[in-house]
């Protein structure tokens, strides 16, 4: 899709919309395609991101915070690939292959 092609052109994907407009599938799609993510600290998505492990968290209250985090990716050439690799592994945890059997067990245990 166009979204996947567009993501593949980038080394990092900042998720900046804030609040209810944020879509967890944006985070999972970026991770699945090996794109480093940057999320605001007050975002519900920040609960899934471990700073400097599988993404970067920035403060929307500091004007320079997002720019500082992007510069961190530029200056530390090993960071983006590390975040991307961890993101791919994180996305696998949410794949149908991983969650499908759990759903099957859950629904299979319910009375008919």
N, C-alpha and C. Protein backbone atom coordinates (compact mmCIF):
# COMPACT_ATOMS: atom_id res chain seq x y z
N UNK A 1 0.84 -1.19 0.00
CA UNK A 1 0.00 0.00 0.00
C UNK A 1 0.87 1.24 0.00
N UNK A 2 0.25 2.38 -0.24
CA UNK A 2 0.96 3.65 -0.24
C UNK A 2 1.57 3.90 1.12
N UNK A 3 0.83 3.56 2.20
CA UNK A 3 1.32 3.79 3.56
C UNK A 3 2.63 3.04 3.80
N UNK A 4 2.68 1.79 3.39
CA UNK A 4 3.88 0.97 3.59
C UNK A 4 5.03 1.53 2.77
N UNK A 5 4.77 1.91 1.53
CA UNK A 5 5.81 2.48 0.69
C UNK A 5 6.35 3.76 1.30
N UNK A 6 5.45 4.61 1.77
CA UNK A 6 5.86 5.88 2.37
C UNK A 6 6.70 5.62 3.60
N UNK A 7 6.28 4.69 4.45
CA UNK A 7 7.06 4.38 5.65
C UNK A 7 8.44 3.86 5.30
N UNK A 8 8.55 3.09 4.24
CA UNK A 8 9.84 2.50 3.90
C UNK A 8 10.87 3.54 3.46
N UNK A 9 10.43 4.75 3.17
CA UNK A 9 11.34 5.81 2.76
C UNK A 9 11.98 6.52 3.95
N UNK A 10 11.55 6.18 5.16
CA UNK A 10 11.99 6.91 6.35
C UNK A 10 12.76 6.02 7.30
N UNK A 11 13.64 6.65 8.08
CA UNK A 11 14.36 5.96 9.14
C UNK A 11 13.63 6.08 10.46
N UNK A 12 12.74 7.07 10.57
CA UNK A 12 12.01 7.30 11.81
C UNK A 12 10.61 7.78 11.49
N UNK A 13 9.68 7.44 12.37
CA UNK A 13 8.28 7.80 12.18
C UNK A 13 7.78 8.46 13.45
N UNK A 14 7.70 9.82 13.48
CA UNK A 14 7.14 10.48 14.66
C UNK A 14 5.62 10.41 14.65
N UNK A 15 5.05 10.00 15.75
CA UNK A 15 3.60 9.96 15.90
C UNK A 15 3.26 11.14 16.79
N UNK A 16 2.69 12.16 16.19
CA UNK A 16 2.54 13.44 16.90
C UNK A 16 1.10 13.92 17.04
N UNK A 17 0.13 13.17 16.53
CA UNK A 17 -1.23 13.70 16.49
C UNK A 17 -1.80 13.94 17.87
N UNK A 18 -1.49 13.09 18.81
CA UNK A 18 -1.96 13.29 20.19
C UNK A 18 -3.38 12.84 20.42
N UNK A 19 -3.61 12.27 21.58
CA UNK A 19 -4.94 11.93 22.04
C UNK A 19 -5.65 10.88 21.23
N UNK A 20 -6.95 11.13 21.02
CA UNK A 20 -7.83 10.13 20.43
C UNK A 20 -7.50 9.83 18.97
N UNK A 21 -6.79 10.74 18.27
CA UNK A 21 -6.48 10.49 16.86
C UNK A 21 -5.37 9.47 16.69
N UNK A 22 -4.64 9.18 17.73
CA UNK A 22 -3.55 8.23 17.61
C UNK A 22 -4.09 6.84 17.40
N UNK A 23 -3.49 6.14 16.49
CA UNK A 23 -3.95 4.81 16.12
C UNK A 23 -2.84 3.81 16.41
N UNK A 24 -3.12 2.82 17.27
CA UNK A 24 -2.07 1.84 17.58
C UNK A 24 -1.57 1.11 16.34
N UNK A 25 -2.38 1.04 15.29
CA UNK A 25 -1.91 0.37 14.09
C UNK A 25 -0.78 1.14 13.42
N UNK A 26 -0.73 2.47 13.62
CA UNK A 26 0.40 3.25 13.10
C UNK A 26 1.69 2.77 13.74
N UNK A 27 1.66 2.58 15.04
CA UNK A 27 2.83 2.12 15.77
C UNK A 27 3.22 0.72 15.31
N UNK A 28 2.26 -0.18 15.24
CA UNK A 28 2.55 -1.56 14.84
C UNK A 28 3.03 -1.65 13.40
N UNK A 29 2.46 -0.83 12.52
CA UNK A 29 2.87 -0.84 11.11
C UNK A 29 4.31 -0.36 10.97
N UNK A 30 4.64 0.71 11.67
CA UNK A 30 6.03 1.20 11.62
C UNK A 30 6.98 0.14 12.15
N UNK A 31 6.64 -0.45 13.29
CA UNK A 31 7.49 -1.50 13.86
C UNK A 31 7.65 -2.67 12.90
N UNK A 32 6.52 -3.11 12.34
CA UNK A 32 6.55 -4.28 11.45
C UNK A 32 7.49 -4.06 10.26
N UNK A 33 7.62 -2.81 9.83
CA UNK A 33 8.46 -2.49 8.68
C UNK A 33 9.85 -1.99 9.07
N UNK A 34 10.20 -2.15 10.35
CA UNK A 34 11.54 -1.79 10.78
C UNK A 34 11.82 -0.30 10.82
N UNK A 35 10.81 0.48 11.15
CA UNK A 35 10.95 1.93 11.23
C UNK A 35 11.00 2.33 12.70
N UNK A 36 11.98 3.12 13.09
CA UNK A 36 12.06 3.63 14.46
C UNK A 36 10.89 4.59 14.71
N UNK A 37 10.29 4.49 15.89
CA UNK A 37 9.15 5.34 16.21
C UNK A 37 9.50 6.34 17.30
N UNK A 38 8.86 7.49 17.22
CA UNK A 38 8.97 8.52 18.24
C UNK A 38 7.55 8.88 18.66
N UNK A 39 7.26 8.80 19.96
CA UNK A 39 5.91 9.08 20.44
C UNK A 39 5.95 10.08 21.59
N UNK A 40 4.88 10.90 21.73
CA UNK A 40 4.85 11.85 22.83
C UNK A 40 4.63 11.13 24.16
N UNK A 41 5.24 11.66 25.22
CA UNK A 41 5.18 10.99 26.51
C UNK A 41 3.77 10.89 27.08
N UNK A 42 2.85 11.75 26.70
CA UNK A 42 1.50 11.70 27.23
C UNK A 42 0.56 10.87 26.37
N UNK A 43 1.09 10.28 25.34
CA UNK A 43 0.29 9.46 24.42
C UNK A 43 -0.03 8.11 25.04
N UNK A 44 -1.22 7.58 24.78
CA UNK A 44 -1.50 6.21 25.20
C UNK A 44 -0.51 5.21 24.58
N UNK A 45 0.03 5.55 23.42
CA UNK A 45 0.98 4.66 22.74
C UNK A 45 2.30 4.58 23.50
N UNK A 46 2.62 5.60 24.30
CA UNK A 46 3.88 5.60 25.05
C UNK A 46 3.96 4.43 26.03
N UNK A 47 2.81 3.88 26.41
CA UNK A 47 2.81 2.72 27.31
C UNK A 47 3.44 1.50 26.65
N UNK A 48 3.46 1.46 25.33
CA UNK A 48 4.04 0.33 24.59
C UNK A 48 5.49 0.56 24.21
N UNK A 49 5.94 1.80 24.32
CA UNK A 49 7.30 2.15 23.90
C UNK A 49 8.22 2.23 25.11
N UNK A 50 9.32 1.51 25.02
CA UNK A 50 10.36 1.60 26.04
C UNK A 50 11.46 2.48 25.47
N UNK A 51 11.61 3.66 26.08
CA UNK A 51 12.53 4.67 25.56
C UNK A 51 13.94 4.12 25.36
N UNK A 52 14.46 4.32 24.16
CA UNK A 52 15.79 3.89 23.72
C UNK A 52 15.92 2.37 23.62
N UNK A 53 14.82 1.64 23.76
CA UNK A 53 14.84 0.19 23.55
C UNK A 53 14.09 -0.19 22.28
N UNK A 54 12.80 0.25 22.17
CA UNK A 54 12.04 -0.06 20.97
C UNK A 54 11.45 1.20 20.33
N UNK A 55 11.86 2.34 20.80
CA UNK A 55 11.40 3.61 20.27
C UNK A 55 11.95 4.75 21.11
N UNK A 56 11.55 5.96 20.77
CA UNK A 56 11.95 7.13 21.54
C UNK A 56 10.71 7.88 21.98
N UNK A 57 10.76 8.39 23.19
CA UNK A 57 9.65 9.17 23.74
C UNK A 57 10.12 10.61 23.87
N UNK A 58 9.27 11.54 23.43
CA UNK A 58 9.61 12.96 23.52
C UNK A 58 8.54 13.70 24.30
N UNK A 59 8.89 14.88 24.79
CA UNK A 59 7.96 15.70 25.56
C UNK A 59 7.34 16.76 24.66
N UNK A 60 6.03 16.70 24.46
CA UNK A 60 5.39 17.73 23.63
C UNK A 60 5.36 19.09 24.33
N UNK A 61 5.70 19.12 25.62
CA UNK A 61 5.71 20.39 26.35
C UNK A 61 6.99 21.19 26.11
N UNK A 62 8.02 20.53 25.58
CA UNK A 62 9.27 21.20 25.24
C UNK A 62 9.36 21.32 23.73
N UNK A 63 9.41 22.50 23.23
CA UNK A 63 9.42 22.71 21.77
C UNK A 63 10.51 21.94 21.06
N UNK A 64 11.67 21.85 21.66
CA UNK A 64 12.80 21.23 20.98
C UNK A 64 12.89 19.72 21.20
N UNK A 65 12.00 19.16 21.98
CA UNK A 65 12.13 17.76 22.37
C UNK A 65 12.12 16.80 21.17
N UNK A 66 11.16 16.95 20.28
CA UNK A 66 11.10 16.07 19.11
C UNK A 66 12.35 16.24 18.25
N UNK A 67 12.75 17.49 18.03
CA UNK A 67 13.96 17.75 17.23
C UNK A 67 15.18 17.14 17.91
N UNK A 68 15.26 17.27 19.23
CA UNK A 68 16.39 16.69 19.97
C UNK A 68 16.44 15.18 19.79
N UNK A 69 15.28 14.53 19.82
CA UNK A 69 15.25 13.07 19.68
C UNK A 69 15.63 12.64 18.27
N UNK A 70 15.20 13.42 17.27
CA UNK A 70 15.57 13.12 15.89
C UNK A 70 17.08 13.30 15.71
N UNK A 71 17.62 14.37 16.28
CA UNK A 71 19.08 14.57 16.21
C UNK A 71 19.82 13.43 16.91
N UNK A 72 19.25 12.91 17.96
CA UNK A 72 19.86 11.77 18.65
C UNK A 72 19.97 10.58 17.70
N UNK A 73 18.94 10.36 16.89
CA UNK A 73 18.99 9.28 15.90
C UNK A 73 20.06 9.54 14.85
N UNK A 74 20.18 10.79 14.43
CA UNK A 74 21.16 11.15 13.40
C UNK A 74 22.59 11.01 13.94
N UNK A 75 22.81 11.48 15.15
CA UNK A 75 24.16 11.48 15.73
C UNK A 75 24.61 10.11 16.21
N UNK A 76 23.69 9.29 16.64
CA UNK A 76 24.01 7.95 17.12
C UNK A 76 23.59 6.95 16.04
N UNK A 77 24.47 6.68 15.10
CA UNK A 77 24.12 5.88 13.92
C UNK A 77 23.68 4.45 14.27
N UNK A 78 24.05 3.95 15.41
CA UNK A 78 23.63 2.60 15.79
C UNK A 78 22.26 2.53 16.45
N UNK A 79 21.72 3.69 16.83
CA UNK A 79 20.46 3.69 17.57
C UNK A 79 19.26 3.32 16.70
N UNK A 80 19.12 3.92 15.53
CA UNK A 80 17.96 3.64 14.67
C UNK A 80 17.86 2.15 14.31
N UNK A 81 18.95 1.50 13.88
CA UNK A 81 18.84 0.07 13.59
C UNK A 81 18.48 -0.76 14.83
N UNK A 82 19.00 -0.38 15.99
CA UNK A 82 18.67 -1.09 17.23
C UNK A 82 17.18 -0.96 17.55
N UNK A 83 16.65 0.27 17.44
CA UNK A 83 15.23 0.50 17.69
C UNK A 83 14.37 -0.24 16.67
N UNK A 84 14.80 -0.21 15.42
CA UNK A 84 14.05 -0.88 14.36
C UNK A 84 13.98 -2.39 14.60
N UNK A 85 15.09 -2.98 14.96
CA UNK A 85 15.13 -4.42 15.22
C UNK A 85 14.22 -4.78 16.41
N UNK A 86 14.29 -3.99 17.47
CA UNK A 86 13.43 -4.24 18.63
C UNK A 86 11.97 -4.04 18.27
N UNK A 87 11.69 -3.07 17.40
CA UNK A 87 10.32 -2.83 16.97
C UNK A 87 9.75 -3.99 16.18
N UNK A 88 10.56 -4.56 15.30
CA UNK A 88 10.10 -5.73 14.53
C UNK A 88 9.74 -6.86 15.48
N UNK A 89 10.58 -7.10 16.49
CA UNK A 89 10.30 -8.15 17.48
C UNK A 89 9.03 -7.82 18.26
N UNK A 90 8.84 -6.56 18.59
CA UNK A 90 7.65 -6.13 19.34
C UNK A 90 6.39 -6.36 18.50
N UNK A 91 6.45 -6.02 17.23
CA UNK A 91 5.29 -6.21 16.35
C UNK A 91 4.92 -7.68 16.25
N UNK A 92 5.91 -8.56 16.28
CA UNK A 92 5.64 -10.00 16.23
C UNK A 92 4.78 -10.45 17.39
N UNK A 93 4.95 -9.81 18.54
CA UNK A 93 4.16 -10.17 19.72
C UNK A 93 2.67 -9.92 19.50
N UNK A 94 2.33 -9.03 18.57
CA UNK A 94 0.94 -8.67 18.30
C UNK A 94 0.42 -9.28 17.00
N UNK A 95 1.21 -10.11 16.34
CA UNK A 95 0.78 -10.71 15.08
C UNK A 95 -0.30 -11.76 15.34
N UNK A 96 -1.07 -12.08 14.31
CA UNK A 96 -2.11 -13.11 14.46
C UNK A 96 -1.51 -14.45 14.85
N UNK A 97 -0.32 -14.72 14.36
CA UNK A 97 0.34 -15.97 14.74
C UNK A 97 0.60 -16.06 16.23
N UNK A 98 0.81 -14.93 16.87
CA UNK A 98 1.06 -14.90 18.32
C UNK A 98 -0.22 -14.80 19.13
N UNK A 99 -1.12 -13.94 18.70
CA UNK A 99 -2.33 -13.72 19.52
C UNK A 99 -3.47 -14.67 19.17
N UNK A 100 -3.46 -15.22 17.95
CA UNK A 100 -4.55 -16.12 17.54
C UNK A 100 -4.76 -17.29 18.48
N UNK A 101 -3.71 -18.05 18.82
CA UNK A 101 -3.90 -19.16 19.74
C UNK A 101 -4.42 -18.73 21.12
N UNK A 102 -4.04 -17.55 21.56
CA UNK A 102 -4.54 -17.05 22.85
C UNK A 102 -6.03 -16.77 22.78
N UNK A 103 -6.48 -16.18 21.68
CA UNK A 103 -7.91 -15.93 21.49
C UNK A 103 -8.66 -17.26 21.40
N UNK A 104 -8.09 -18.21 20.68
CA UNK A 104 -8.73 -19.52 20.54
C UNK A 104 -8.92 -20.18 21.91
N UNK A 105 -7.87 -20.14 22.74
CA UNK A 105 -7.97 -20.71 24.10
C UNK A 105 -9.02 -19.98 24.91
N UNK A 106 -9.03 -18.65 24.84
CA UNK A 106 -9.99 -17.86 25.61
C UNK A 106 -11.41 -18.21 25.21
N UNK A 107 -11.70 -18.14 23.91
CA UNK A 107 -13.07 -18.40 23.47
C UNK A 107 -13.43 -19.88 23.59
N UNK A 108 -12.44 -20.76 23.49
CA UNK A 108 -12.71 -22.18 23.65
C UNK A 108 -13.04 -22.55 25.07
N UNK A 109 -12.63 -21.72 26.02
CA UNK A 109 -12.90 -22.02 27.44
C UNK A 109 -14.26 -21.51 27.90
N UNK A 110 -14.94 -20.74 27.06
CA UNK A 110 -16.25 -20.19 27.45
C UNK A 110 -17.34 -21.24 27.23
N UNK A 111 -18.35 -21.23 28.10
CA UNK A 111 -19.46 -22.17 27.88
C UNK A 111 -20.23 -21.84 26.61
N UNK A 112 -20.75 -22.86 25.98
CA UNK A 112 -21.47 -22.67 24.71
C UNK A 112 -22.84 -22.06 24.92
